[in-house]
Amino acid sequence: MTPDASRAHEERLAYVRAQVAFSLLTLRKEHGWSVYDVEERTGVSRSTLSRIERQLTDPTMSVLIRVCWAYGCSASSLLSRAEQHTASDPVPRPTSQDRLDASPPEGGGS
């Protein structure tokens, strides 16, 4: 693979990863769920969920499947939609409000 092709693949991968994270965040908000709610429904820790939504880590396949099932969709459909985006699309980034939504409530925690 040429350096240009390798760079293009890495850029494409970065966009798909960002789209997956943003889609999971969007699904959670559409359901009106907190990360605590998703944790209860999936068994995936809220810290892991938060890190995925903020694009700090990628979900494993089993985590992605469990979270997608909780939202009533398949991992394959979520990935397919993510791959349809192109490098010319803006990379979705969580907003400061999204970060607040993923934070533990006052006085609560861990």
C-alpha atoms as a PDB file:
ATOM      1  CA  MET A   1       0.000   0.000   0.000  1.00  0.00           C
ATOM      2  CA  THR A   2       1.344   3.411  -0.912  1.00  0.00           C
ATOM      3  CA  PRO A   3       1.809   6.056   1.786  1.00  0.00           C
ATOM      4  CA  ASP A   4      -1.015   8.097   0.235  1.00  0.00           C
ATOM      5  CA  ALA A   5      -3.379   5.112   0.278  1.00  0.00           C
ATOM      6  CA  SER A   6      -2.398   4.292   3.841  1.00  0.00           C
ATOM      7  CA  ARG A   7      -3.048   7.863   4.940  1.00  0.00           C
ATOM      8  CA  ALA A   8      -6.414   7.845   3.140  1.00  0.00           C
ATOM      9  CA  HIS A   9      -7.382   4.609   4.916  1.00  0.00           C
ATOM     10  CA  GLU A  10      -6.408   6.045   8.296  1.00  0.00           C
ATOM     11  CA  GLU A  11      -8.424   9.198   7.637  1.00  0.00           C
ATOM     12  CA  ARG A  12     -11.423   7.128   6.546  1.00  0.00           C
ATOM     13  CA  LEU A  13     -11.115   4.964   9.655  1.00  0.00           C
ATOM     14  CA  ALA A  14     -11.032   8.070  11.853  1.00  0.00           C
ATOM     15  CA  TYR A  15     -14.288   9.289  10.273  1.00  0.00           C
ATOM     16  CA  VAL A  16     -16.015   5.936  10.726  1.00  0.00           C
ATOM     17  CA  ARG A  17     -14.884   5.746  14.355  1.00  0.00           C
ATOM     18  CA  ALA A  18     -16.183   9.268  14.982  1.00  0.00           C
ATOM     19  CA  GLN A  19     -19.498   8.450  13.310  1.00  0.00           C
ATOM     20  CA  VAL A  20     -19.966   5.324  15.454  1.00  0.00           C
ATOM     21  CA  ALA A  21     -19.314   7.268  18.649  1.00  0.00           C
ATOM     22  CA  PHE A  22     -21.617  10.085  17.589  1.00  0.00           C
ATOM     23  CA  SER A  23     -24.354   7.630  16.568  1.00  0.00           C
ATOM     24  CA  LEU A  24     -24.233   5.960  19.980  1.00  0.00           C
ATOM     25  CA  LEU A  25     -24.457   9.342  21.702  1.00  0.00           C
ATOM     26  CA  THR A  26     -27.356  10.339  19.451  1.00  0.00           C
ATOM     27  CA  LEU A  27     -29.224   7.082  20.121  1.00  0.00           C
ATOM     28  CA  ARG A  28     -28.837   7.544  23.869  1.00  0.00           C
ATOM     29  CA  LYS A  29     -30.210  11.074  23.682  1.00  0.00           C
ATOM     30  CA  GLU A  30     -33.093  10.018  21.401  1.00  0.00           C
ATOM     31  CA  HIS A  31     -34.086   7.428  24.008  1.00  0.00           C
ATOM     32  CA  GLY A  32     -33.805  10.035  26.761  1.00  0.00           C
ATOM     33  CA  TRP A  33     -31.391   7.795  28.668  1.00  0.00           C
ATOM     34  CA  SER A  34     -28.429   8.708  30.821  1.00  0.00           C
ATOM     35  CA  VAL A  35     -25.241   6.674  30.749  1.00  0.00           C
ATOM     36  CA  TYR A  36     -26.509   5.196  34.015  1.00  0.00           C
ATOM     37  CA  ASP A  37     -29.628   3.948  32.206  1.00  0.00           C
ATOM     38  CA  VAL A  38     -27.538   2.381  29.441  1.00  0.00           C
ATOM     39  CA  GLU A  39     -25.269   0.760  32.022  1.00  0.00           C
ATOM     40  CA  GLU A  40     -28.293  -0.847  33.672  1.00  0.00           C
ATOM     41  CA  ARG A  41     -29.602  -2.143  30.337  1.00  0.00           C
ATOM     42  CA  THR A  42     -26.289  -3.443  28.992  1.00  0.00           C
ATOM     43  CA  GLY A  43     -23.956  -4.230  31.865  1.00  0.00           C
ATOM     44  CA  VAL A  44     -21.356  -1.975  30.234  1.00  0.00           C
ATOM     45  CA  SER A  45     -19.834   0.436  32.748  1.00  0.00           C
ATOM     46  CA  ARG A  46     -20.851   4.058  32.442  1.00  0.00           C
ATOM     47  CA  SER A  47     -17.201   5.100  32.341  1.00  0.00           C
ATOM     48  CA  THR A  48     -16.690   2.883  29.288  1.00  0.00           C
ATOM     49  CA  LEU A  49     -19.881   4.212  27.681  1.00  0.00           C
ATOM     50  CA  SER A  50     -18.817   7.787  28.325  1.00  0.00           C
ATOM     51  CA  ARG A  51     -15.329   7.201  26.917  1.00  0.00           C
ATOM     52  CA  ILE A  52     -16.824   5.641  23.771  1.00  0.00           C
ATOM     53  CA  GLU A  53     -19.232   8.540  23.228  1.00  0.00           C
ATOM     54  CA  ARG A  54     -16.432  11.076  23.745  1.00  0.00           C
ATOM     55  CA  GLN A  55     -14.270   9.216  21.199  1.00  0.00           C
ATOM     56  CA  LEU A  56     -11.591   8.402  23.741  1.00  0.00           C
ATOM     57  CA  THR A  57     -11.831   4.672  23.091  1.00  0.00           C
ATOM     58  CA  ASP A  58     -13.436   2.288  20.628  1.00  0.00           C
ATOM     59  CA  PRO A  59     -16.047  -0.243  21.707  1.00  0.00           C
ATOM     60  CA  THR A  60     -15.218  -3.917  21.485  1.00  0.00           C
ATOM     61  CA  MET A  61     -17.503  -5.899  19.239  1.00  0.00           C
ATOM     62  CA  SER A  62     -19.365  -7.410  22.207  1.00  0.00           C
ATOM     63  CA  VAL A  63     -19.875  -3.983  23.806  1.00  0.00           C
ATOM     64  CA  LEU A  64     -21.072  -2.497  20.522  1.00  0.00           C
ATOM     65  CA  ILE A  65     -23.557  -5.333  20.022  1.00  0.00           C
ATOM     66  CA  ARG A  66     -24.914  -5.114  23.597  1.00  0.00           C
ATOM     67  CA  VAL A  67     -25.363  -1.349  23.377  1.00  0.00           C
ATOM     68  CA  CYS A  68     -26.983  -1.499  19.937  1.00  0.00           C
ATOM     69  CA  TRP A  69     -29.400  -4.190  21.117  1.00  0.00           C
ATOM     70  CA  ALA A  70     -30.395  -1.980  24.052  1.00  0.00           C
ATOM     71  CA  TYR A  71     -31.272   0.744  21.532  1.00  0.00           C
ATOM     72  CA  GLY A  72     -33.183  -1.697  19.335  1.00  0.00           C
ATOM     73  CA  CYS A  73     -30.810  -1.653  16.400  1.00  0.00           C
ATOM     74  CA  SER A  74     -28.125  -3.933  15.062  1.00  0.00           C
ATOM     75  CA  ALA A  75     -24.417  -3.251  15.172  1.00  0.00           C
ATOM     76  CA  SER A  76     -24.255  -3.991  11.450  1.00  0.00           C
ATOM     77  CA  SER A  77     -26.793  -1.268  10.620  1.00  0.00           C
ATOM     78  CA  LEU A  78     -24.978   1.246  12.825  1.00  0.00           C
ATOM     79  CA  LEU A  79     -21.630   0.413  11.196  1.00  0.00           C
ATOM     80  CA  SER A  80     -23.160   0.516   7.731  1.00  0.00           C
ATOM     81  CA  ARG A  81     -24.509   4.027   8.328  1.00  0.00           C
ATOM     82  CA  ALA A  82     -21.146   5.112   9.743  1.00  0.00           C
ATOM     83  CA  GLU A  83     -19.301   3.827   6.682  1.00  0.00           C
ATOM     84  CA  GLN A  84     -21.598   5.733   4.319  1.00  0.00           C
ATOM     85  CA  HIS A  85     -20.151   9.027   5.502  1.00  0.00           C
ATOM     86  CA  THR A  86     -17.207  10.375   3.580  1.00  0.00           C
ATOM     87  CA  ALA A  87     -14.124  12.315   4.511  1.00  0.00           C
ATOM     88  CA  SER A  88     -15.846  15.472   3.246  1.00  0.00           C
ATOM     89  CA  ASP A  89     -18.488  15.130   5.983  1.00  0.00           C
ATOM     90  CA  PRO A  90     -17.749  17.007   9.184  1.00  0.00           C
ATOM     91  CA  VAL A  91     -16.381  14.856  11.964  1.00  0.00           C
ATOM     92  CA  PRO A  92     -18.957  14.789  14.747  1.00  0.00           C
ATOM     93  CA  ARG A  93     -17.550  15.808  18.093  1.00  0.00           C
ATOM     94  CA  PRO A  94     -19.269  15.745  21.453  1.00  0.00           C
ATOM     95  CA  THR A  95     -20.254  19.164  22.723  1.00  0.00           C
ATOM     96  CA  SER A  96     -19.599  20.487  26.212  1.00  0.00           C
ATOM     97  CA  GLN A  97     -23.250  19.681  27.031  1.00  0.00           C
ATOM     98  CA  ASP A  98     -22.677  16.072  25.937  1.00  0.00           C
ATOM     99  CA  ARG A  99     -19.751  15.901  28.344  1.00  0.00           C
ATOM    100  CA  LEU A 100     -21.958  17.235  31.123  1.00  0.00           C
ATOM    101  CA  ASP A 101     -24.652  14.677  30.283  1.00  0.00           C
ATOM    102  CA  ALA A 102     -22.098  11.878  30.693  1.00  0.00           C
ATOM    103  CA  SER A 103     -20.833  13.161  34.062  1.00  0.00           C
ATOM    104  CA  PRO A 104     -21.990  11.615  37.330  1.00  0.00           C
ATOM    105  CA  PRO A 105     -24.772  13.563  39.048  1.00  0.00           C
ATOM    106  CA  GLU A 106     -23.919  15.940  41.870  1.00  0.00           C
ATOM    107  CA  GLY A 107     -23.425  14.080  45.119  1.00  0.00           C
ATOM    108  CA  GLY A 108     -23.669  10.763  43.303  1.00  0.00           C
ATOM    109  CA  GLY A 109     -21.022   8.882  41.684  1.00  0.00           C
ATOM    110  CA  SER A 110     -19.151   5.878  40.904  1.00  0.00           C
END
